[in-house]
Amino acid sequence: MKKFLAVLLAAVMTLSLAACGSEPQNDGNDGNNGNGEVVENNDAAPENSEDENGADAEGVNVMTHDEYIAAAVDTEVTVETYVQAKQSWWEDTATVYTQAEDGAYFLYNMACSEEDYAKLEKGTKIRVTGFKSEWSGEVEIIDASFEIIDGSYVAEALDVTSLLGTDELIDHQNEYVSFKGMTVEASKDADGNDVAFLYNYDGSGQDGDDLYFNVSFNGETYTFVVESYLCDSTTEVYSAVKALNIGDTIDMEGFLYWYEGVNPHIVSVSSAS
C-alpha cells in the first residue's frame, strides 16, 4: 500500500513539473527578463515633440513659413510666430505684425480681447490659427485666433535696399527691414505743388492721418507710408517725416507691407550717415 502511494505521489509530482515547464517564455514587455531582472521595454514609443505628420505634442500641425507660403489662399493655417509690433485693437480684434526666424506674418483683425492685447508685448510668442488671405498683393492671416506660448524673439532689421525693384523683394514680405541712403522725392499736393509728404495718399487728409512720401533708389521712385494706427502723430517717426525736405537722404526701418506693389509701413526715419 505504501509502495502504491509512493508511486502515485511521484507521478503527480512529475505531471506538476511538466505543466510548469510548458508556460510561455516572458517576452520582456512586462519589464522582467524571466530571471527576476527588470529590463527596459524597447517597444515603448520614442519621445518626440512631433509625429511623422508634423504634429506637435498637442496634436497641432504647425506650418513652417515655406509651407505657409505654399498653401493656397483661403486655406486654414496654423503658425507659431512672435509679435514685433501692434497696429491696432478695435471691438475685440487686433492687427499685429509678427515674425519668426524663417519669415513674417501679418495678422489682420485677429480675435483678441483688450486684456489679451495688452499681453502682446514685443517678442511674445504666439500660436495662430486662421485663414491665409491676399488683398491687393498683401498676403495675410485673417479670421484668426491665438494663444500665447513660451518663447521670445525680436527680429533685427534686414537691409533690403539692394532688393528694391527685384523679384526677390517680395520673398521678405511683412518682415522688419531697413532701407539705406534713399532720397526724398517730390509729391504733388491737391494744388499741384511739390511737397515732401502728403496727408493720405492723395493729400486729402490732415494732421493725424497716414503720411505718404516718395523716396528713390537707383533712379526708381517708391511710395512709403507712416501708418497712423501703427505710429500716430505723437511718435518720433511721424514728426520726422513732417520735417523732411525734398532732396534729403535718409535711412529708414519698417515692415515690408505690400499694396499693389511694395508699400512699406515705416517706423523709423533718420538722416543717412
C-alpha atoms as a PDB file:
ATOM      1  CA  MET A   1       0.000   0.000   0.000  1.00  0.00           C
ATOM      2  CA  LYS A   2       2.836   2.404   0.915  1.00  0.00           C
ATOM      3  CA  LYS A   3       4.599   1.497  -2.333  1.00  0.00           C
ATOM      4  CA  PHE A   4       1.452   2.307  -4.298  1.00  0.00           C
ATOM      5  CA  LEU A   5       1.100   5.673  -2.592  1.00  0.00           C
ATOM      6  CA  ALA A   6       4.753   6.479  -3.255  1.00  0.00           C
ATOM      7  CA  VAL A   7       4.379   5.663  -6.938  1.00  0.00           C
ATOM      8  CA  LEU A   8       1.201   7.735  -7.141  1.00  0.00           C
ATOM      9  CA  LEU A   9       2.873  10.726  -5.436  1.00  0.00           C
ATOM     10  CA  ALA A  10       5.827  10.552  -7.796  1.00  0.00           C
ATOM     11  CA  ALA A  11       3.507  10.572 -10.811  1.00  0.00           C
ATOM     12  CA  VAL A  12       1.664  13.621  -9.536  1.00  0.00           C
ATOM     13  CA  MET A  13       4.946  15.487  -8.963  1.00  0.00           C
ATOM     14  CA  THR A  14       6.130  14.630 -12.492  1.00  0.00           C
ATOM     15  CA  LEU A  15       2.922  15.958 -14.071  1.00  0.00           C
ATOM     16  CA  SER A  16       3.178  19.165 -11.997  1.00  0.00           C
ATOM     17  CA  LEU A  17       6.769  19.826 -13.138  1.00  0.00           C
ATOM     18  CA  ALA A  18       5.812  19.218 -16.769  1.00  0.00           C
ATOM     19  CA  ALA A  19       2.988  21.742 -16.510  1.00  0.00           C
ATOM     20  CA  CYS A  20       5.355  24.395 -15.107  1.00  0.00           C
ATOM     21  CA  GLY A  21       7.817  23.808 -17.926  1.00  0.00           C
ATOM     22  CA  SER A  22       5.144  24.358 -20.577  1.00  0.00           C
ATOM     23  CA  GLU A  23       4.429  28.005 -19.599  1.00  0.00           C
ATOM     24  CA  PRO A  24       5.289  30.547 -22.395  1.00  0.00           C
ATOM     25  CA  GLN A  25       8.548  32.475 -22.154  1.00  0.00           C
ATOM     26  CA  ASN A  26       8.459  36.094 -20.950  1.00  0.00           C
ATOM     27  CA  ASP A  27       8.598  38.491 -23.955  1.00  0.00           C
ATOM     28  CA  GLY A  28      10.091  41.321 -21.913  1.00  0.00           C
ATOM     29  CA  ASN A  29       7.044  43.576 -22.195  1.00  0.00           C
ATOM     30  CA  ASP A  30       6.219  43.182 -18.513  1.00  0.00           C
ATOM     31  CA  GLY A  31       9.600  44.634 -17.504  1.00  0.00           C
ATOM     32  CA  ASN A  32      11.096  41.273 -16.427  1.00  0.00           C
ATOM     33  CA  ASN A  33      13.541  39.125 -18.415  1.00  0.00           C
ATOM     34  CA  GLY A  34      12.381  35.864 -16.836  1.00  0.00           C
ATOM     35  CA  ASN A  35      15.307  35.733 -14.424  1.00  0.00           C
ATOM     36  CA  GLY A  36      13.894  38.213 -11.955  1.00  0.00           C
ATOM     37  CA  GLU A  37      15.766  41.137 -13.548  1.00  0.00           C
ATOM     38  CA  VAL A  38      13.889  44.263 -14.625  1.00  0.00           C
ATOM     39  CA  VAL A  39      14.690  45.240 -18.203  1.00  0.00           C
ATOM     40  CA  GLU A  40      13.819  48.319 -20.307  1.00  0.00           C
ATOM     41  CA  ASN A  41      10.864  47.907 -22.632  1.00  0.00           C
ATOM     42  CA  ASN A  42      12.286  48.663 -26.087  1.00  0.00           C
ATOM     43  CA  ASP A  43       8.831  48.701 -27.618  1.00  0.00           C
ATOM     44  CA  ALA A  44       7.875  51.962 -25.864  1.00  0.00           C
ATOM     45  CA  ALA A  45       7.058  54.920 -28.124  1.00  0.00           C
ATOM     46  CA  PRO A  46      10.004  57.330 -28.647  1.00  0.00           C
ATOM     47  CA  GLU A  47       9.779  60.733 -27.016  1.00  0.00           C
ATOM     48  CA  ASN A  48       9.347  63.076 -29.968  1.00  0.00           C
ATOM     49  CA  SER A  49       7.868  66.571 -29.964  1.00  0.00           C
ATOM     50  CA  GLU A  50       6.393  65.992 -33.435  1.00  0.00           C
ATOM     51  CA  ASP A  51       4.953  62.958 -35.164  1.00  0.00           C
ATOM     52  CA  GLU A  52       5.708  61.904 -38.746  1.00  0.00           C
ATOM     53  CA  ASN A  53       2.947  64.211 -39.998  1.00  0.00           C
ATOM     54  CA  GLY A  54       4.466  67.288 -38.354  1.00  0.00           C
ATOM     55  CA  ALA A  55       2.001  67.471 -35.443  1.00  0.00           C
ATOM     56  CA  ASP A  56       3.451  68.699 -32.161  1.00  0.00           C
ATOM     57  CA  ALA A  57       2.954  67.090 -28.754  1.00  0.00           C
ATOM     58  CA  GLU A  58      -0.543  68.571 -28.568  1.00  0.00           C
ATOM     59  CA  GLY A  59      -1.511  67.148 -31.966  1.00  0.00           C
ATOM     60  CA  VAL A  60      -1.404  70.539 -33.725  1.00  0.00           C
ATOM     61  CA  ASN A  61       0.066  70.708 -37.226  1.00  0.00           C
ATOM     62  CA  VAL A  62       2.228  73.826 -37.110  1.00  0.00           C
ATOM     63  CA  MET A  63       3.437  75.061 -40.508  1.00  0.00           C
ATOM     64  CA  THR A  64       6.877  76.305 -41.408  1.00  0.00           C
ATOM     65  CA  HIS A  65       6.946  79.612 -43.261  1.00  0.00           C
ATOM     66  CA  ASP A  66       7.698  77.781 -46.532  1.00  0.00           C
ATOM     67  CA  GLU A  67       4.637  75.594 -46.004  1.00  0.00           C
ATOM     68  CA  TYR A  68       2.553  78.670 -45.280  1.00  0.00           C
ATOM     69  CA  ILE A  69       3.721  80.369 -48.482  1.00  0.00           C
ATOM     70  CA  ALA A  70       2.982  77.193 -50.480  1.00  0.00           C
ATOM     71  CA  ALA A  71      -0.551  76.886 -49.045  1.00  0.00           C
ATOM     72  CA  ALA A  72      -3.437  78.018 -51.226  1.00  0.00           C
ATOM     73  CA  VAL A  73      -5.346  81.195 -50.431  1.00  0.00           C
ATOM     74  CA  ASP A  74      -8.361  80.517 -48.152  1.00  0.00           C
ATOM     75  CA  THR A  75      -6.587  77.512 -46.619  1.00  0.00           C
ATOM     76  CA  GLU A  76      -6.704  77.169 -42.832  1.00  0.00           C
ATOM     77  CA  VAL A  77      -3.204  77.655 -41.466  1.00  0.00           C
ATOM     78  CA  THR A  78      -1.505  77.330 -38.096  1.00  0.00           C
ATOM     79  CA  VAL A  79       1.825  79.031 -37.436  1.00  0.00           C
ATOM     80  CA  GLU A  80       3.995  79.911 -34.478  1.00  0.00           C
ATOM     81  CA  THR A  81       5.391  83.415 -34.610  1.00  0.00           C
ATOM     82  CA  TYR A  82       6.485  86.355 -32.459  1.00  0.00           C
ATOM     83  CA  VAL A  83       4.909  89.772 -32.013  1.00  0.00           C
ATOM     84  CA  GLN A  84       7.040  92.579 -33.464  1.00  0.00           C
ATOM     85  CA  ALA A  85       4.547  95.464 -33.380  1.00  0.00           C
ATOM     86  CA  LYS A  86       0.864  96.073 -32.727  1.00  0.00           C
ATOM     87  CA  GLN A  87      -1.038  98.218 -35.203  1.00  0.00           C
ATOM     88  CA  SER A  88      -4.477  98.463 -33.662  1.00  0.00           C
ATOM     89  CA  TRP A  89      -7.174  96.976 -31.445  1.00  0.00           C
ATOM     90  CA  TRP A  90     -10.877  97.527 -32.081  1.00  0.00           C
ATOM     91  CA  GLU A  91     -14.000  95.683 -30.921  1.00  0.00           C
ATOM     92  CA  ASP A  92     -12.116  92.574 -29.762  1.00  0.00           C
ATOM     93  CA  THR A  93      -9.933  92.310 -32.874  1.00  0.00           C
ATOM     94  CA  ALA A  94      -6.240  93.083 -33.228  1.00  0.00           C
ATOM     95  CA  THR A  95      -3.958  93.749 -36.191  1.00  0.00           C
ATOM     96  CA  VAL A  96      -0.396  92.673 -35.489  1.00  0.00           C
ATOM     97  CA  TYR A  97       2.959  92.448 -37.271  1.00  0.00           C
ATOM     98  CA  THR A  98       4.750  89.221 -36.383  1.00  0.00           C
ATOM     99  CA  GLN A  99       7.896  87.401 -37.433  1.00  0.00           C
ATOM    100  CA  ALA A 100       9.665  84.107 -36.764  1.00  0.00           C
ATOM    101  CA  GLU A 101      13.208  83.108 -37.639  1.00  0.00           C
ATOM    102  CA  ASP A 102      12.096  81.795 -41.051  1.00  0.00           C
ATOM    103  CA  GLY A 103       9.655  84.512 -42.142  1.00  0.00           C
ATOM    104  CA  ALA A 104       6.966  87.029 -41.229  1.00  0.00           C
ATOM    105  CA  TYR A 105       3.168  87.119 -40.946  1.00  0.00           C
ATOM    106  CA  PHE A 106       0.655  89.982 -40.925  1.00  0.00           C
ATOM    107  CA  LEU A 107      -2.326  89.160 -38.705  1.00  0.00           C
ATOM    108  CA  TYR A 108      -5.369  91.193 -39.709  1.00  0.00           C
ATOM    109  CA  ASN A 109      -8.320  91.616 -37.334  1.00  0.00           C
ATOM    110  CA  MET A 110      -7.383  88.614 -35.197  1.00  0.00           C
ATOM    111  CA  ALA A 111      -9.830  87.775 -32.400  1.00  0.00           C
ATOM    112  CA  CYS A 112      -8.358  89.334 -29.261  1.00  0.00           C
ATOM    113  CA  SER A 113      -9.753  90.749 -26.053  1.00  0.00           C
ATOM    114  CA  GLU A 114      -8.446  94.094 -24.845  1.00  0.00           C
ATOM    115  CA  GLU A 115      -6.905  92.293 -21.868  1.00  0.00           C
ATOM    116  CA  ASP A 116      -5.026  89.863 -24.130  1.00  0.00           C
ATOM    117  CA  TYR A 117      -3.979  92.704 -26.453  1.00  0.00           C
ATOM    118  CA  ALA A 118      -2.113  94.237 -23.539  1.00  0.00           C
ATOM    119  CA  LYS A 119      -0.198  90.973 -23.125  1.00  0.00           C
ATOM    120  CA  LEU A 120       1.105  91.011 -26.696  1.00  0.00           C
ATOM    121  CA  GLU A 121       4.387  92.705 -25.925  1.00  0.00           C
ATOM    122  CA  LYS A 122       7.196  92.849 -28.458  1.00  0.00           C
ATOM    123  CA  GLY A 123       8.867  89.427 -28.689  1.00  0.00           C
ATOM    124  CA  THR A 124       5.889  87.455 -27.324  1.00  0.00           C
ATOM    125  CA  LYS A 125       5.483  84.026 -28.948  1.00  0.00           C
ATOM    126  CA  ILE A 126       2.010  83.083 -30.134  1.00  0.00           C
ATOM    127  CA  ARG A 127       0.406  80.163 -31.948  1.00  0.00           C
ATOM    128  CA  VAL A 128      -2.060  81.441 -34.529  1.00  0.00           C
ATOM    129  CA  THR A 129      -4.772  79.566 -36.421  1.00  0.00           C
ATOM    130  CA  GLY A 130      -6.671  81.355 -39.175  1.00  0.00           C
ATOM    131  CA  PHE A 131      -7.068  81.542 -42.933  1.00  0.00           C
ATOM    132  CA  LYS A 132      -4.485  82.624 -45.472  1.00  0.00           C
ATOM    133  CA  SER A 133      -5.746  85.585 -47.474  1.00  0.00           C
ATOM    134  CA  GLU A 134      -4.497  88.044 -50.076  1.00  0.00           C
ATOM    135  CA  TRP A 135      -5.562  91.649 -50.616  1.00  0.00           C
ATOM    136  CA  SER A 136      -4.009  93.747 -53.399  1.00  0.00           C
ATOM    137  CA  GLY A 137      -0.815  91.716 -53.180  1.00  0.00           C
ATOM    138  CA  GLU A 138      -0.566  91.640 -49.384  1.00  0.00           C
ATOM    139  CA  VAL A 139      -0.584  88.074 -48.018  1.00  0.00           C
ATOM    140  CA  GLU A 140      -2.012  87.919 -44.514  1.00  0.00           C
ATOM    141  CA  ILE A 141      -3.847  85.762 -41.993  1.00  0.00           C
ATOM    142  CA  ILE A 142      -7.486  86.652 -41.282  1.00  0.00           C
ATOM    143  CA  ASP A 143     -10.303  85.309 -39.069  1.00  0.00           C
ATOM    144  CA  ALA A 144      -7.638  84.081 -36.676  1.00  0.00           C
ATOM    145  CA  SER A 145      -7.439  83.102 -33.039  1.00  0.00           C
ATOM    146  CA  PHE A 146      -4.275  82.775 -30.984  1.00  0.00           C
ATOM    147  CA  GLU A 147      -2.734  81.562 -27.771  1.00  0.00           C
ATOM    148  CA  ILE A 148       0.398  82.782 -26.022  1.00  0.00           C
ATOM    149  CA  ILE A 149       3.099  80.124 -25.661  1.00  0.00           C
ATOM    150  CA  ASP A 150       6.606  80.008 -24.218  1.00  0.00           C
ATOM    151  CA  GLY A 151       9.348  81.718 -26.185  1.00  0.00           C
ATOM    152  CA  SER A 152      10.673  85.123 -27.186  1.00  0.00           C
ATOM    153  CA  TYR A 153      12.249  86.581 -30.332  1.00  0.00           C
ATOM    154  CA  VAL A 154      12.814  90.101 -31.654  1.00  0.00           C
ATOM    155  CA  ALA A 155      13.859  90.414 -35.292  1.00  0.00           C
ATOM    156  CA  GLU A 156      16.689  92.673 -36.383  1.00  0.00           C
ATOM    157  CA  ALA A 157      16.051  94.871 -39.412  1.00  0.00           C
ATOM    158  CA  LEU A 158      17.189  93.230 -42.647  1.00  0.00           C
ATOM    159  CA  ASP A 159      18.703  95.665 -45.156  1.00  0.00           C
ATOM    160  CA  VAL A 160      16.717  95.150 -48.377  1.00  0.00           C
ATOM    161  CA  THR A 161      17.754  98.356 -50.156  1.00  0.00           C
ATOM    162  CA  SER A 162      19.556  96.448 -52.903  1.00  0.00           C
ATOM    163  CA  LEU A 163      16.454  94.280 -53.490  1.00  0.00           C
ATOM    164  CA  LEU A 164      14.226  97.206 -54.456  1.00  0.00           C
ATOM    165  CA  GLY A 165      12.989  96.681 -57.981  1.00  0.00           C
ATOM    166  CA  THR A 166      13.806  92.936 -57.973  1.00  0.00           C
ATOM    167  CA  ASP A 167      11.603  89.847 -57.855  1.00  0.00           C
ATOM    168  CA  GLU A 168      13.367  88.743 -54.666  1.00  0.00           C
ATOM    169  CA  LEU A 169      11.993  91.592 -52.567  1.00  0.00           C
ATOM    170  CA  ILE A 170       8.561  90.006 -52.118  1.00  0.00           C
ATOM    171  CA  ASP A 171      10.219  86.964 -50.501  1.00  0.00           C
ATOM    172  CA  HIS A 172      10.632  89.204 -47.431  1.00  0.00           C
ATOM    173  CA  GLN A 173       7.052  90.443 -47.334  1.00  0.00           C
ATOM    174  CA  ASN A 174       5.964  91.620 -43.865  1.00  0.00           C
ATOM    175  CA  GLU A 175       9.484  91.296 -42.407  1.00  0.00           C
ATOM    176  CA  TYR A 176      11.125  94.010 -40.359  1.00  0.00           C
ATOM    177  CA  VAL A 177      13.504  95.638 -42.847  1.00  0.00           C
ATOM    178  CA  SER A 178      15.692  98.675 -43.432  1.00  0.00           C
ATOM    179  CA  PHE A 179      16.405 100.973 -46.370  1.00  0.00           C
ATOM    180  CA  LYS A 180      19.650 102.930 -46.528  1.00  0.00           C
ATOM    181  CA  GLY A 181      20.688 106.080 -48.374  1.00  0.00           C
ATOM    182  CA  MET A 182      17.378 106.824 -50.092  1.00  0.00           C
ATOM    183  CA  THR A 183      16.490 110.256 -51.485  1.00  0.00           C
ATOM    184  CA  VAL A 184      13.268 112.106 -50.700  1.00  0.00           C
ATOM    185  CA  GLU A 185      11.420 112.930 -53.930  1.00  0.00           C
ATOM    186  CA  ALA A 186       8.603 115.399 -54.557  1.00  0.00           C
ATOM    187  CA  SER A 187       4.930 114.538 -54.173  1.00  0.00           C
ATOM    188  CA  LYS A 188       2.147 116.655 -55.633  1.00  0.00           C
ATOM    189  CA  ASP A 189      -0.383 118.164 -53.263  1.00  0.00           C
ATOM    190  CA  ALA A 190      -4.001 118.970 -54.160  1.00  0.00           C
ATOM    191  CA  ASP A 191      -2.898 122.296 -55.684  1.00  0.00           C
ATOM    192  CA  GLY A 192      -0.155 120.718 -57.776  1.00  0.00           C
ATOM    193  CA  ASN A 193       2.666 121.948 -55.578  1.00  0.00           C
ATOM    194  CA  ASP A 194       5.784 119.898 -54.914  1.00  0.00           C
ATOM    195  CA  VAL A 195       5.877 118.763 -51.283  1.00  0.00           C
ATOM    196  CA  ALA A 196       7.929 116.270 -49.286  1.00  0.00           C
ATOM    197  CA  PHE A 197       4.922 114.356 -47.917  1.00  0.00           C
ATOM    198  CA  LEU A 198       1.140 114.092 -48.130  1.00  0.00           C
ATOM    199  CA  TYR A 199      -1.615 113.538 -45.573  1.00  0.00           C
ATOM    200  CA  ASN A 200      -3.271 110.438 -47.056  1.00  0.00           C
ATOM    201  CA  TYR A 201      -2.224 109.089 -50.432  1.00  0.00           C
ATOM    202  CA  ASP A 202      -3.859 111.933 -52.342  1.00  0.00           C
ATOM    203  CA  GLY A 203      -3.188 114.799 -49.970  1.00  0.00           C
ATOM    204  CA  SER A 204      -6.807 114.955 -48.845  1.00  0.00           C
ATOM    205  CA  GLY A 205      -6.092 114.379 -45.160  1.00  0.00           C
ATOM    206  CA  GLN A 206      -4.895 116.353 -42.198  1.00  0.00           C
ATOM    207  CA  ASP A 207      -2.534 116.073 -39.267  1.00  0.00           C
ATOM    208  CA  GLY A 208      -3.075 112.678 -37.615  1.00  0.00           C
ATOM    209  CA  ASP A 209      -3.821 110.827 -40.861  1.00  0.00           C
ATOM    210  CA  ASP A 210      -1.404 108.498 -42.669  1.00  0.00           C
ATOM    211  CA  LEU A 211       1.715 110.162 -44.091  1.00  0.00           C
ATOM    212  CA  TYR A 212       2.736 109.241 -47.638  1.00  0.00           C
ATOM    213  CA  PHE A 213       6.107 110.218 -49.089  1.00  0.00           C
ATOM    214  CA  ASN A 214       8.216 109.332 -52.114  1.00  0.00           C
ATOM    215  CA  VAL A 215      11.806 108.099 -51.984  1.00  0.00           C
ATOM    216  CA  SER A 216      14.145 106.940 -54.733  1.00  0.00           C
ATOM    217  CA  PHE A 217      16.991 104.499 -55.178  1.00  0.00           C
ATOM    218  CA  ASN A 218      18.960 103.787 -58.360  1.00  0.00           C
ATOM    219  CA  GLY A 219      16.686 106.032 -60.402  1.00  0.00           C
ATOM    220  CA  GLU A 220      13.431 104.359 -59.297  1.00  0.00           C
ATOM    221  CA  THR A 221      10.853 106.048 -57.054  1.00  0.00           C
ATOM    222  CA  TYR A 222       8.806 104.244 -54.396  1.00  0.00           C
ATOM    223  CA  THR A 223       5.975 105.353 -52.103  1.00  0.00           C
ATOM    224  CA  PHE A 224       6.425 104.685 -48.395  1.00  0.00           C
ATOM    225  CA  VAL A 225       3.905 105.369 -45.631  1.00  0.00           C
ATOM    226  CA  VAL A 226       3.704 106.059 -41.930  1.00  0.00           C
ATOM    227  CA  GLU A 227       0.570 104.129 -40.946  1.00  0.00           C
ATOM    228  CA  SER A 228      -1.155 106.332 -38.375  1.00  0.00           C
ATOM    229  CA  TYR A 229      -2.690 103.400 -36.486  1.00  0.00           C
ATOM    230  CA  LEU A 230       0.814 101.961 -36.035  1.00  0.00           C
ATOM    231  CA  CYS A 231       2.667 105.248 -35.476  1.00  0.00           C
ATOM    232  CA  ASP A 232       0.363 108.127 -34.640  1.00  0.00           C
ATOM    233  CA  SER A 233       1.058 111.864 -34.692  1.00  0.00           C
ATOM    234  CA  THR A 234       2.756 111.744 -31.278  1.00  0.00           C
ATOM    235  CA  THR A 235       5.554 109.416 -32.425  1.00  0.00           C
ATOM    236  CA  GLU A 236       9.085 110.397 -33.437  1.00  0.00           C
ATOM    237  CA  VAL A 237       8.761 108.909 -36.924  1.00  0.00           C
ATOM    238  CA  TYR A 238       5.602 110.929 -37.631  1.00  0.00           C
ATOM    239  CA  SER A 239       7.381 114.145 -36.692  1.00  0.00           C
ATOM    240  CA  ALA A 240      10.492 113.129 -38.637  1.00  0.00           C
ATOM    241  CA  VAL A 241       8.546 112.653 -41.879  1.00  0.00           C
ATOM    242  CA  LYS A 242       6.758 116.003 -41.436  1.00  0.00           C
ATOM    243  CA  ALA A 243      10.204 117.620 -41.164  1.00  0.00           C
ATOM    244  CA  LEU A 244      11.546 116.093 -44.419  1.00  0.00           C
ATOM    245  CA  ASN A 245      12.704 118.217 -47.316  1.00  0.00           C
ATOM    246  CA  ILE A 246      12.819 117.240 -50.960  1.00  0.00           C
ATOM    247  CA  GLY A 247      16.327 116.010 -51.703  1.00  0.00           C
ATOM    248  CA  ASP A 248      17.109 114.773 -48.169  1.00  0.00           C
ATOM    249  CA  THR A 249      18.990 111.464 -47.988  1.00  0.00           C
ATOM    250  CA  ILE A 250      17.564 109.214 -45.300  1.00  0.00           C
ATOM    251  CA  ASP A 251      17.724 105.772 -43.691  1.00  0.00           C
ATOM    252  CA  MET A 252      14.513 104.022 -42.669  1.00  0.00           C
ATOM    253  CA  GLU A 253      13.202 100.957 -40.879  1.00  0.00           C
ATOM    254  CA  GLY A 254       9.760  99.428 -41.084  1.00  0.00           C
ATOM    255  CA  PHE A 255       7.612  96.468 -42.066  1.00  0.00           C
ATOM    256  CA  LEU A 256       7.599  95.317 -45.688  1.00  0.00           C
ATOM    257  CA  TYR A 257       3.889  95.683 -46.313  1.00  0.00           C
ATOM    258  CA  TRP A 258       2.503  95.268 -49.822  1.00  0.00           C
ATOM    259  CA  TYR A 259      -0.261  97.159 -51.621  1.00  0.00           C
ATOM    260  CA  GLU A 260      -0.282  96.977 -55.406  1.00  0.00           C
ATOM    261  CA  GLY A 261       3.481  96.628 -55.022  1.00  0.00           C
ATOM    262  CA  VAL A 262       5.905  97.384 -52.228  1.00  0.00           C
ATOM    263  CA  ASN A 263       4.418  99.822 -49.704  1.00  0.00           C
ATOM    264  CA  PRO A 264       6.490  99.685 -46.508  1.00  0.00           C
ATOM    265  CA  HIS A 265       4.999 100.803 -43.208  1.00  0.00           C
ATOM    266  CA  ILE A 266       7.822 102.924 -41.790  1.00  0.00           C
ATOM    267  CA  VAL A 267       8.528 103.164 -38.053  1.00  0.00           C
ATOM    268  CA  SER A 268      11.884 104.964 -38.050  1.00  0.00           C
ATOM    269  CA  VAL A 269      13.459 107.722 -40.171  1.00  0.00           C
ATOM    270  CA  SER A 270      16.876 109.294 -39.726  1.00  0.00           C
ATOM    271  CA  SER A 271      19.380 111.248 -41.782  1.00  0.00           C
ATOM    272  CA  ALA A 272      21.709 108.996 -43.754  1.00  0.00           C
ATOM    273  CA  SER A 273      25.179 108.900 -42.228  1.00  0.00           C
END
